[in-house]
Amino acid sequence: MPESEGELDELLLVRREKLREVQETGIDPYGGRYVRTHTAAGIQQGFDLLEGKKVSIAGRLMAKRGHGKAAFGDLLDFSGRIQIHIRRDEVGQELYQVFKRIDIGDILGLEGTVFRTKTGEITVGVRTFTLLAKSLRPLPEKWHGLKDVELRSRQRYLDLIVNPEVKQTFVLRTRVIRALRRFLDARGFLEVETPMMQPVAGGAAARPFVTYHNALDLRLYLRIAPELYLKRLLVGGFEKVYEINRNFRNEGISTKHNPEFTMLEIYQAYADYTDMMELTEELIVNAAEEVLGGTEIRYGEEQIVFHKPWPRVSYLTIVHRKTGIDFSRLDAREARAAARGMGVEVEQNASWGEAIDAVFEEFVEPGLVQPTFILDYPVDISPLAKRKAEDPRLTYRFELFIAGREIANAFSELNDPLDQRERFMQQLDKRQAGDEEAHMFDEDYVRALEYGMPPAGGLGIGIDRLVMLFAGVSSIREVILFPLHRPREKSD
């Protein structure tokens, strides 16, 4: 990259001058529609049939070599790069002089003939070209050496231009989502859309973003989860539904969290969380096979193996195993004391489940590298899950962990309206005590349950985290095209 602002300003002025010179020749430096016959990759792959044939391609000039009467260059389109060769005697003196004013970064359309150079490189010999967009800023020459994920994601358009592997990450993301949809559609699930703006932010424990509808004089929230609306559809008679869309949570930003993120949520009537475990295994294994071509991937230093069946371990059992403390024998006060004794911070009035969960996050979660289902979470941290018949302190809930991260969360859904109302009341008490992430009381949802919701299993999968896993990256910003950033004090 330029060493200083002064150097950058000078380069900008030089490019502006070249722009003026091109315009003086009567050429529009920001052209219109351009018809292409081939892509760069198409020419590379089809060379045997295309050698000596005329083609039309378009893309960004990424390199320029040579002087005098001929020059080489590299043209980049979405499919890849291809070498071009331009000769003054072929295109004419006037057009060749225009090419000499062309900069790396400019977007060109060109026609030419496919051939192979003496060194064996497939090349397009240019017969004529059109300037489609003049680049007024130089591309960052040292972008390949940058490791700053934030800087790259702030200017994702540059990241995509100069780092081909980044582009492939987002192609992979699209393929993952396509594979998930294809799997669910083939099994009779119906894709639906539920509101992004909601009068009650429900379905998860999170602080919402607040907005306002002027015409209705109504305070609204960007949704933190689609869960309660999808379960309203079960009440209405839909039996197998899913949604892939954005959730918004007004929380911190980290390598694992972005305020705007993508979730897949699935609900199936007459099922339970064991059905959701089987569905989760099949769904992720199918996506891995379709997108990655197998069921083993390298993630950092670990080899992740998706071979079924995945281990299923109870929540209290694995906490006991990792810490030596049997929290099932403790009450809330004792659980808080035990957590603090291990150096884990917990709130003064943390519930039994909250104290255990703080310990779980510290001592258990990072070690869950291979796909593992953790079962039967405490009811006080699972207000939408059905209680276990044999131990009402726990619920029929699981979370799936891979590579030390939660990938999926699922329940046997609570369909008892009286129990749900009581749990909402407990959450309301927490909100009134200052917990802004506690569930809101959704009276209409309780009313829907009072009409009768069939027993059901529900599943949520974090798309961003799944793509992180498949792409082998460690930051969520690497798999979101335009993640949120704090504004810079000074613009670039």
Protein backbone atom coordinates (compact mmCIF):
# COMPACT_ATOMS: atom_id res chain seq x y z
CA MET A 1 0.00 0.00 0.00
CA PRO A 2 1.16 3.59 -0.44
CA GLU A 3 3.56 4.63 2.31
CA SER A 4 1.77 7.84 3.19
CA GLU A 5 -1.31 9.96 2.55
CA GLY A 6 0.85 12.30 0.49
CA GLU A 7 1.93 9.46 -1.78
CA LEU A 8 -1.65 8.26 -2.13
CA ASP A 9 -2.83 11.77 -3.00
CA GLU A 10 -0.16 11.95 -5.70
CA LEU A 11 -1.26 8.62 -7.18
CA LEU A 12 -4.88 9.77 -7.19
CA LEU A 13 -3.89 12.92 -9.06
CA VAL A 14 -1.95 10.87 -11.63
CA ARG A 15 -4.98 8.66 -12.25
CA ARG A 16 -7.28 11.66 -12.54
CA GLU A 17 -4.93 13.03 -15.18
CA LYS A 18 -5.04 9.74 -17.09
CA LEU A 19 -8.82 9.86 -16.88
CA ARG A 20 -8.79 13.32 -18.44
CA GLU A 21 -6.45 12.18 -21.21
CA VAL A 22 -8.69 9.23 -22.05
CA GLN A 23 -11.76 11.47 -22.15
CA GLU A 24 -9.99 13.86 -24.52
CA THR A 25 -9.67 11.03 -27.04
CA GLY A 26 -13.47 10.84 -27.11
CA ILE A 27 -13.66 7.56 -25.14
CA ASP A 28 -16.27 7.19 -22.39
CA PRO A 29 -14.23 5.82 -19.43
CA TYR A 30 -17.35 4.36 -17.81
CA GLY A 31 -18.89 2.30 -20.54
CA GLY A 32 -22.14 0.39 -20.70
CA ARG A 33 -23.28 -3.11 -21.53
CA TYR A 34 -20.61 -5.47 -22.83
CA VAL A 35 -21.34 -8.85 -24.36
CA ARG A 36 -18.97 -11.63 -23.31
CA THR A 37 -18.69 -14.97 -25.03
CA HIS A 38 -16.41 -16.65 -22.48
CA THR A 39 -14.98 -16.43 -18.98
CA ALA A 40 -11.32 -16.68 -18.05
CA ALA A 41 -11.81 -20.17 -16.59
CA GLY A 42 -13.90 -21.23 -19.58
CA ILE A 43 -11.06 -20.37 -21.94
CA GLN A 44 -8.52 -22.19 -19.77
CA GLN A 45 -10.67 -25.29 -19.53
CA GLY A 46 -11.78 -25.28 -23.18
CA PHE A 47 -8.48 -24.37 -24.79
CA ASP A 48 -8.32 -27.41 -27.08
CA LEU A 49 -11.54 -26.33 -28.78
CA LEU A 50 -10.90 -22.59 -28.57
CA GLU A 51 -7.31 -22.36 -29.84
CA GLY A 52 -7.23 -19.94 -32.75
CA LYS A 53 -10.85 -18.91 -32.15
CA LYS A 54 -12.14 -15.42 -31.45
CA VAL A 55 -13.47 -14.72 -27.94
CA SER A 56 -14.86 -11.76 -26.03
CA ILE A 57 -14.03 -11.39 -22.31
CA ALA A 58 -14.25 -8.72 -19.63
CA GLY A 59 -12.67 -8.15 -16.23
CA ARG A 60 -10.25 -6.16 -14.15
CA LEU A 61 -6.65 -5.64 -15.23
CA MET A 62 -4.49 -7.04 -12.42
CA ALA A 63 -1.03 -6.88 -13.95
CA LYS A 64 0.67 -5.13 -16.84
CA ARG A 65 4.06 -6.05 -18.31
CA GLY A 66 6.15 -4.91 -21.22
CA HIS A 67 6.94 -1.74 -23.10
CA GLY A 68 7.42 -0.54 -26.63
CA LYS A 69 5.25 -2.14 -29.28
CA ALA A 70 3.69 -4.93 -27.22
CA ALA A 71 2.58 -5.69 -23.68
CA PHE A 72 1.22 -8.52 -21.59
CA GLY A 73 -1.35 -8.28 -18.80
CA ASP A 74 -3.53 -10.39 -16.49
CA LEU A 75 -7.31 -10.00 -16.64
CA LEU A 76 -9.41 -11.10 -13.65
CA ASP A 77 -13.10 -12.01 -13.78
CA PHE A 78 -15.22 -13.93 -11.28
CA SER A 79 -13.99 -17.26 -12.62
CA GLY A 80 -10.27 -16.50 -12.41
CA ARG A 81 -7.34 -14.94 -14.29
CA ILE A 82 -6.14 -15.17 -17.87
CA GLN A 83 -3.17 -13.62 -19.60
CA ILE A 84 -3.73 -11.10 -22.40
CA HIS A 85 -1.28 -9.91 -25.05
CA ILE A 86 -1.67 -6.64 -26.93
CA ARG A 87 0.39 -5.50 -29.93
CA ARG A 88 0.42 -2.03 -31.45
CA ASP A 89 0.43 -3.48 -34.97
CA GLU A 90 -2.73 -5.48 -34.16
CA VAL A 91 -4.87 -2.83 -32.45
CA GLY A 92 -3.50 0.28 -34.12
CA GLN A 93 -1.47 3.21 -32.84
CA GLU A 94 -4.40 5.18 -31.43
CA LEU A 95 -5.91 2.36 -29.38
CA TYR A 96 -2.47 1.22 -28.25
CA GLN A 97 -1.80 4.69 -26.86
CA VAL A 98 -5.05 4.41 -24.91
CA PHE A 99 -3.86 1.07 -23.49
CA LYS A 100 -0.65 2.73 -22.30
CA ARG A 101 -2.85 4.99 -20.16
CA ILE A 102 -4.69 2.01 -18.71
CA ASP A 103 -3.88 1.32 -15.03
CA ILE A 104 -3.92 -1.83 -12.96
CA GLY A 105 -7.43 -1.95 -11.52
CA ASP A 106 -9.18 -0.66 -14.64
CA ILE A 107 -12.04 -2.78 -15.98
CA LEU A 108 -11.82 -3.74 -19.64
CA GLY A 109 -13.80 -5.58 -22.25
CA LEU A 110 -11.74 -7.06 -25.02
CA GLU A 111 -11.94 -9.22 -28.10
CA GLY A 112 -9.14 -11.42 -29.28
CA THR A 113 -7.84 -14.77 -30.37
CA VAL A 114 -6.91 -17.64 -28.06
CA PHE A 115 -3.36 -18.98 -28.33
CA ARG A 116 -0.59 -20.47 -26.22
CA THR A 117 2.70 -18.63 -25.71
CA LYS A 118 6.13 -20.20 -26.15
CA THR A 119 6.23 -20.72 -22.38
CA GLY A 120 2.94 -22.63 -22.58
CA GLU A 121 0.62 -20.05 -21.02
CA ILE A 122 -2.90 -19.81 -22.44
CA THR A 123 -3.39 -16.24 -23.62
CA VAL A 124 -5.87 -14.02 -25.44
CA GLY A 125 -4.25 -11.96 -28.21
CA VAL A 126 -6.14 -8.66 -28.16
CA ARG A 127 -7.62 -7.33 -31.39
CA THR A 128 -9.62 -4.53 -29.80
CA PHE A 129 -10.66 -3.45 -26.32
CA THR A 130 -13.09 -1.15 -24.53
CA LEU A 131 -12.53 0.73 -21.27
CA LEU A 132 -15.55 -0.10 -19.08
CA ALA A 133 -14.54 1.54 -15.79
CA LYS A 134 -11.53 3.67 -14.91
CA SER A 135 -10.09 2.92 -11.46
CA LEU A 136 -9.17 6.16 -9.68
CA ARG A 137 -7.58 4.45 -6.68
CA PRO A 138 -4.63 2.05 -6.85
CA LEU A 139 -5.14 -1.47 -5.59
CA PRO A 140 -3.26 -2.23 -2.36
CA GLU A 141 -0.10 -3.96 -3.51
CA LYS A 142 0.64 -5.60 -0.14
CA TRP A 143 -2.90 -6.77 0.60
CA HIS A 144 -1.77 -10.39 0.55
CA GLY A 145 0.43 -9.68 3.56
CA LEU A 146 -2.33 -8.17 5.68
CA LYS A 147 -3.59 -10.32 8.55
CA ASP A 148 -5.98 -7.73 9.99
CA VAL A 149 -9.42 -9.30 9.56
CA GLU A 150 -11.12 -6.05 10.51
CA LEU A 151 -9.30 -3.99 7.87
CA ARG A 152 -10.06 -6.57 5.18
CA SER A 153 -13.74 -6.82 6.08
CA ARG A 154 -14.12 -3.03 6.27
CA GLN A 155 -13.13 -2.87 2.61
CA ARG A 156 -14.46 -6.22 1.50
CA TYR A 157 -14.59 -5.10 -2.13
CA LEU A 158 -10.77 -4.88 -2.12
CA ASP A 159 -10.42 -8.13 -0.19
CA LEU A 160 -12.47 -9.91 -2.85
CA ILE A 161 -10.42 -8.41 -5.69
CA VAL A 162 -6.96 -9.32 -4.47
CA ASN A 163 -7.54 -12.43 -2.32
CA PRO A 164 -9.10 -15.21 -4.42
CA GLU A 165 -9.49 -17.52 -1.40
CA VAL A 166 -11.86 -14.99 0.20
CA LYS A 167 -14.13 -15.11 -2.81
CA GLN A 168 -14.15 -18.89 -2.55
CA THR A 169 -15.25 -18.69 1.09
CA PHE A 170 -18.39 -16.85 0.05
CA VAL A 171 -19.00 -19.19 -2.86
CA LEU A 172 -18.78 -22.00 -0.28
CA ARG A 173 -21.28 -20.16 1.94
CA THR A 174 -23.79 -20.03 -0.90
CA ARG A 175 -23.27 -23.72 -1.60
CA VAL A 176 -23.79 -24.62 2.08
CA ILE A 177 -27.10 -22.76 2.23
CA ARG A 178 -28.18 -24.31 -1.07
CA ALA A 179 -27.37 -27.79 0.29
CA LEU A 180 -29.36 -27.19 3.48
CA ARG A 181 -32.37 -25.99 1.50
CA ARG A 182 -32.20 -28.90 -0.92
CA PHE A 183 -32.05 -31.40 1.95
CA LEU A 184 -35.04 -29.92 3.80
CA ASP A 185 -37.15 -29.41 0.69
CA ALA A 186 -36.59 -33.04 -0.30
CA ARG A 187 -37.92 -34.16 3.10
CA GLY A 188 -41.15 -32.24 2.87
CA PHE A 189 -40.23 -29.14 4.89
CA LEU A 190 -41.78 -25.88 3.75
CA GLU A 191 -39.66 -22.73 3.70
CA VAL A 192 -41.51 -19.76 5.18
CA GLU A 193 -40.85 -16.14 6.14
CA THR A 194 -41.76 -14.57 9.47
CA PRO A 195 -41.59 -10.94 10.60
CA MET A 196 -38.27 -9.15 10.99
CA MET A 197 -39.96 -6.38 12.98
CA GLN A 198 -41.87 -7.65 15.98
CA PRO A 199 -43.93 -5.99 18.71
CA VAL A 200 -42.39 -8.43 21.22
CA ALA A 201 -38.79 -9.60 20.84
CA GLY A 202 -39.03 -13.29 21.69
CA GLY A 203 -37.52 -16.68 21.04
CA ALA A 204 -34.14 -16.14 22.68
CA ALA A 205 -32.39 -14.50 25.59
CA ALA A 206 -30.82 -11.40 24.02
CA ARG A 207 -30.98 -7.60 24.05
CA PRO A 208 -32.93 -6.43 20.98
CA PHE A 209 -32.51 -3.49 18.66
CA VAL A 210 -35.41 -1.04 18.99
CA THR A 211 -37.13 0.78 16.15
CA TYR A 212 -40.37 2.71 15.70
CA HIS A 213 -43.23 2.69 13.19
CA ASN A 214 -44.53 6.22 12.76
CA ALA A 215 -47.86 5.48 11.05
CA LEU A 216 -48.87 2.94 13.70
CA ASP A 217 -47.28 4.89 16.55
CA LEU A 218 -45.74 1.58 17.55
CA ARG A 219 -42.47 0.57 19.18
CA LEU A 220 -41.01 -2.45 17.40
CA TYR A 221 -37.98 -4.69 17.76
CA LEU A 222 -35.73 -6.25 15.16
CA ARG A 223 -36.17 -9.92 15.75
CA ILE A 224 -33.74 -11.83 17.90
CA ALA A 225 -35.18 -15.17 16.72
CA PRO A 226 -38.08 -16.38 14.52
CA GLU A 227 -38.99 -19.18 16.95
CA LEU A 228 -42.28 -17.99 18.38
CA TYR A 229 -43.74 -17.14 14.97
CA LEU A 230 -42.66 -20.47 13.48
CA LYS A 231 -44.35 -22.28 16.37
CA ARG A 232 -47.50 -20.23 15.77
CA LEU A 233 -47.50 -21.92 12.35
CA LEU A 234 -47.52 -25.33 14.07
CA VAL A 235 -50.61 -24.19 15.97
CA GLY A 236 -52.14 -23.21 12.63
CA GLY A 237 -51.63 -26.65 11.12
CA PHE A 238 -48.25 -26.48 9.38
CA GLU A 239 -46.28 -29.56 10.37
CA LYS A 240 -42.77 -29.16 8.88
CA VAL A 241 -41.42 -25.63 8.41
CA TYR A 242 -38.06 -23.88 8.25
CA GLU A 243 -36.67 -20.41 7.77
CA ILE A 244 -33.21 -19.16 6.78
CA ASN A 245 -32.87 -15.50 7.56
CA ARG A 246 -31.31 -12.76 9.65
CA ASN A 247 -31.48 -12.31 13.41
CA PHE A 248 -30.36 -9.16 15.20
CA ARG A 249 -28.97 -9.02 18.73
CA ASN A 250 -27.74 -5.85 20.39
CA GLU A 251 -24.69 -7.42 21.95
CA GLY A 252 -20.91 -7.35 21.76
CA ILE A 253 -18.80 -8.10 18.71
CA SER A 254 -16.20 -10.88 18.79
CA THR A 255 -14.76 -13.64 16.64
CA LYS A 256 -17.94 -15.62 17.41
CA HIS A 257 -20.58 -12.87 17.42
CA ASN A 258 -21.87 -10.29 14.97
CA PRO A 259 -24.99 -8.23 15.80
CA GLU A 260 -26.55 -9.32 12.50
CA PHE A 261 -26.27 -13.03 11.74
CA THR A 262 -27.97 -15.83 9.83
CA MET A 263 -29.90 -18.71 11.36
CA LEU A 264 -31.64 -21.79 10.07
CA GLU A 265 -34.61 -22.69 12.27
CA ILE A 266 -36.62 -25.88 11.73
CA TYR A 267 -39.82 -27.11 13.42
CA GLN A 268 -41.49 -30.48 13.04
CA ALA A 269 -44.81 -31.44 14.58
CA TYR A 270 -45.17 -34.78 16.37
CA ALA A 271 -41.38 -35.01 16.85
CA ASP A 272 -39.04 -34.44 19.80
CA TYR A 273 -35.42 -33.56 20.43
CA THR A 274 -34.19 -37.06 19.60
CA ASP A 275 -35.67 -36.62 16.12
CA MET A 276 -33.91 -33.26 15.92
CA MET A 277 -30.59 -34.91 16.80
CA GLU A 278 -30.98 -37.35 13.94
CA LEU A 279 -32.03 -34.53 11.62
CA THR A 280 -29.02 -32.43 12.66
CA GLU A 281 -26.59 -35.27 11.96
CA GLU A 282 -28.10 -35.98 8.56
CA LEU A 283 -28.32 -32.32 7.62
CA ILE A 284 -24.71 -31.43 8.44
CA VAL A 285 -23.22 -34.66 7.09
CA ASN A 286 -25.15 -34.21 3.84
CA ALA A 287 -23.95 -30.60 3.53
CA ALA A 288 -20.34 -31.65 4.17
CA GLU A 289 -20.50 -34.39 1.55
CA GLU A 290 -22.18 -32.14 -1.01
CA VAL A 291 -20.01 -29.05 -0.46
CA LEU A 292 -16.68 -30.48 0.71
CA GLY A 293 -16.81 -33.90 -0.90
CA GLY A 294 -16.38 -35.85 2.34
CA THR A 295 -17.04 -36.14 6.05
CA GLU A 296 -13.62 -35.14 7.40
CA ILE A 297 -12.20 -31.63 7.44
CA ARG A 298 -9.10 -29.95 8.78
CA TYR A 299 -9.85 -27.12 11.18
CA GLY A 300 -6.73 -25.47 12.56
CA GLU A 301 -4.71 -28.22 14.20
CA GLU A 302 -7.69 -30.56 14.46
CA GLN A 303 -9.12 -33.17 12.12
CA ILE A 304 -12.92 -32.95 12.47
CA VAL A 305 -14.71 -36.21 11.70
CA PHE A 306 -18.44 -36.15 10.94
CA HIS A 307 -19.00 -39.89 10.89
CA LYS A 308 -22.32 -40.81 12.52
CA PRO A 309 -23.48 -41.38 15.18
CA TRP A 310 -22.14 -38.47 17.21
CA PRO A 311 -21.63 -38.83 20.97
CA ARG A 312 -24.54 -37.84 23.22
CA VAL A 313 -23.58 -36.76 26.73
CA SER A 314 -25.77 -35.28 29.44
CA TYR A 315 -25.03 -31.72 30.50
CA LEU A 316 -24.65 -32.47 34.21
CA THR A 317 -22.57 -35.58 33.52
CA ILE A 318 -19.96 -33.81 31.43
CA VAL A 319 -19.71 -30.90 33.88
CA HIS A 320 -19.17 -33.44 36.68
CA ARG A 321 -16.58 -35.26 34.57
CA LYS A 322 -14.62 -32.11 33.76
CA THR A 323 -14.77 -30.42 37.17
CA GLY A 324 -15.23 -33.23 39.68
CA ILE A 325 -18.31 -31.46 41.09
CA ASP A 326 -21.75 -33.05 40.96
CA PHE A 327 -23.96 -29.99 40.54
CA SER A 328 -27.08 -32.15 40.58
CA ARG A 329 -26.61 -32.41 44.38
CA LEU A 330 -26.29 -28.64 44.91
CA ASP A 331 -28.84 -25.90 45.27
CA ALA A 332 -28.48 -22.46 43.63
CA ARG A 333 -26.46 -20.94 46.47
CA GLU A 334 -24.10 -23.90 46.60
CA ALA A 335 -23.75 -23.91 42.79
CA ARG A 336 -22.77 -20.23 42.82
CA ALA A 337 -20.22 -20.88 45.54
CA ALA A 338 -18.78 -23.86 43.67
CA ALA A 339 -18.43 -21.81 40.46
CA ARG A 340 -16.66 -18.99 42.29
CA GLY A 341 -14.41 -21.52 43.96
CA MET A 342 -13.20 -22.50 40.48
CA GLY A 343 -12.56 -18.88 39.55
CA VAL A 344 -15.70 -18.49 37.44
CA GLU A 345 -17.56 -15.20 37.74
CA VAL A 346 -21.31 -15.51 38.32
CA GLU A 347 -23.96 -12.93 39.13
CA GLN A 348 -24.88 -12.44 42.78
CA ASN A 349 -28.39 -13.80 42.21
CA ALA A 350 -27.54 -16.30 39.47
CA SER A 351 -29.88 -19.27 39.32
CA TRP A 352 -28.80 -22.88 39.66
CA GLY A 353 -28.69 -23.35 35.90
CA GLU A 354 -26.94 -20.03 35.26
CA ALA A 355 -24.17 -20.90 37.71
CA ILE A 356 -23.64 -24.30 36.10
CA ASP A 357 -23.70 -22.79 32.61
CA ALA A 358 -20.93 -20.35 33.51
CA VAL A 359 -18.83 -23.34 34.59
CA PHE A 360 -19.76 -25.25 31.43
CA GLU A 361 -18.63 -22.38 29.18
CA GLU A 362 -15.31 -22.12 30.98
CA PHE A 363 -14.36 -25.76 31.54
CA VAL A 364 -16.34 -27.88 29.07
CA GLU A 365 -17.16 -25.99 25.89
CA PRO A 366 -13.59 -25.36 24.62
CA GLY A 367 -12.79 -29.08 24.75
CA LEU A 368 -15.74 -30.20 22.63
CA VAL A 369 -13.80 -30.52 19.39
CA GLN A 370 -15.46 -33.47 17.65
CA PRO A 371 -19.22 -33.24 16.97
CA THR A 372 -20.92 -33.82 20.32
CA PHE A 373 -24.50 -33.46 21.50
CA ILE A 374 -24.85 -32.13 25.04
CA LEU A 375 -28.28 -33.08 26.42
CA ASP A 376 -30.75 -32.02 29.06
CA TYR A 377 -30.10 -28.42 30.07
CA PRO A 378 -31.51 -26.82 33.25
CA VAL A 379 -35.02 -25.46 32.92
CA ASP A 380 -34.09 -22.01 34.24
CA ILE A 381 -31.87 -21.39 31.20
CA SER A 382 -34.28 -23.10 28.78
CA PRO A 383 -37.63 -21.25 29.12
CA LEU A 384 -39.06 -22.55 25.82
CA ALA A 385 -38.13 -26.24 26.21
CA LYS A 386 -40.25 -29.05 27.63
CA ARG A 387 -39.38 -30.30 31.12
CA LYS A 388 -37.98 -33.79 31.52
CA ALA A 389 -40.56 -36.06 33.09
CA GLU A 390 -37.98 -37.80 35.26
CA ASP A 391 -36.30 -34.60 36.51
CA PRO A 392 -38.32 -31.37 36.20
CA ARG A 393 -35.21 -29.27 36.92
CA LEU A 394 -34.02 -30.25 33.44
CA THR A 395 -35.42 -30.01 29.90
CA TYR A 396 -35.44 -32.01 26.71
CA ARG A 397 -32.89 -29.74 25.11
CA PHE A 398 -29.57 -30.32 23.36
CA GLU A 399 -26.80 -28.21 21.94
CA LEU A 400 -24.35 -29.42 19.30
CA PHE A 401 -20.71 -28.43 19.73
CA ILE A 402 -17.97 -28.73 17.11
CA ALA A 403 -14.47 -27.26 17.33
CA GLY A 404 -15.27 -25.73 20.72
CA ARG A 405 -18.27 -23.75 19.47
CA GLU A 406 -22.02 -24.13 19.72
CA ILE A 407 -23.33 -24.92 16.24
CA ALA A 408 -26.94 -25.92 16.96
CA ASN A 409 -29.57 -25.66 19.69
CA ALA A 410 -32.75 -27.74 19.84
CA PHE A 411 -35.68 -28.65 22.10
CA SER A 412 -38.64 -30.81 22.54
CA GLU A 413 -40.81 -27.72 22.37
CA LEU A 414 -42.83 -26.64 25.39
CA ASN A 415 -46.49 -26.80 24.37
CA ASP A 416 -48.11 -26.49 27.81
CA PRO A 417 -49.54 -22.94 27.88
CA LEU A 418 -49.77 -22.84 31.68
CA ASP A 419 -46.15 -23.83 32.13
CA GLN A 420 -45.12 -21.38 29.40
CA ARG A 421 -47.01 -18.53 31.07
CA GLU A 422 -45.32 -19.29 34.39
CA ARG A 423 -41.87 -19.30 32.79
CA PHE A 424 -42.56 -16.03 30.99
CA MET A 425 -43.54 -14.56 34.35
CA GLN A 426 -40.20 -15.69 35.79
CA GLN A 427 -38.42 -14.07 32.85
CA LEU A 428 -40.45 -10.90 33.38
CA ASP A 429 -39.23 -10.78 36.99
CA LYS A 430 -35.67 -10.98 35.71
CA ARG A 431 -36.27 -8.13 33.26
CA GLN A 432 -37.77 -5.98 35.99
CA ALA A 433 -34.68 -6.73 38.08
CA GLY A 434 -32.51 -5.26 35.29
CA ASP A 435 -31.73 -8.24 33.03
CA GLU A 436 -32.19 -6.75 29.54
CA GLU A 437 -31.53 -10.12 27.90
CA ALA A 438 -34.35 -12.00 29.65
CA HIS A 439 -37.24 -13.20 27.51
CA MET A 440 -40.13 -10.80 27.00
CA PHE A 441 -43.65 -11.87 27.90
CA ASP A 442 -45.47 -12.64 24.65
CA GLU A 443 -49.16 -12.79 25.53
CA ASP A 444 -50.25 -13.58 21.98
CA TYR A 445 -47.89 -16.55 21.82
CA VAL A 446 -49.35 -17.96 25.03
CA ARG A 447 -52.81 -17.40 23.58
CA ALA A 448 -51.78 -19.41 20.52
CA LEU A 449 -50.60 -22.27 22.75
CA GLU A 450 -53.95 -22.22 24.52
CA TYR A 451 -55.55 -23.26 21.23
CA GLY A 452 -53.25 -26.29 21.23
CA MET A 453 -49.83 -26.84 19.66
CA PRO A 454 -48.90 -30.41 18.77
CA PRO A 455 -45.82 -31.89 20.41
CA ALA A 456 -42.88 -30.81 18.29
CA GLY A 457 -39.14 -30.70 17.91
CA GLY A 458 -37.37 -27.47 17.04
CA LEU A 459 -33.83 -26.88 15.84
CA GLY A 460 -31.69 -23.82 15.22
CA ILE A 461 -28.35 -23.92 13.38
CA GLY A 462 -26.00 -20.95 13.13
CA ILE A 463 -25.23 -20.65 9.43
CA ASP A 464 -22.25 -18.35 9.97
CA ARG A 465 -20.58 -20.72 12.43
CA LEU A 466 -21.24 -23.73 10.21
CA VAL A 467 -19.62 -21.93 7.28
CA MET A 468 -16.68 -20.95 9.52
CA LEU A 469 -16.21 -24.63 10.24
CA PHE A 470 -16.42 -25.72 6.61
CA ALA A 471 -14.16 -22.87 5.44
CA GLY A 472 -11.61 -23.47 8.19
CA VAL A 473 -11.63 -19.89 9.48
CA SER A 474 -11.63 -18.70 13.09
CA SER A 475 -13.50 -15.38 12.90
CA ILE A 476 -17.15 -14.85 12.03
CA ARG A 477 -16.13 -11.75 10.08
CA GLU A 478 -14.43 -14.02 7.57
CA VAL A 479 -17.80 -15.48 6.52
CA ILE A 480 -20.01 -12.36 6.60
CA LEU A 481 -19.55 -10.18 3.55
CA PHE A 482 -20.08 -6.87 5.32
CA PRO A 483 -19.88 -7.29 9.12
CA LEU A 484 -20.61 -4.36 11.42
CA HIS A 485 -17.69 -2.17 12.55
CA ARG A 486 -17.18 0.74 14.86
CA PRO A 487 -16.90 3.90 12.71
CA ARG A 488 -13.36 5.00 11.99
CA GLU A 489 -12.21 8.30 13.35
CA LYS A 490 -10.79 9.24 9.97
CA SER A 491 -11.98 8.05 6.59
CA ASP A 492 -9.60 6.28 4.22
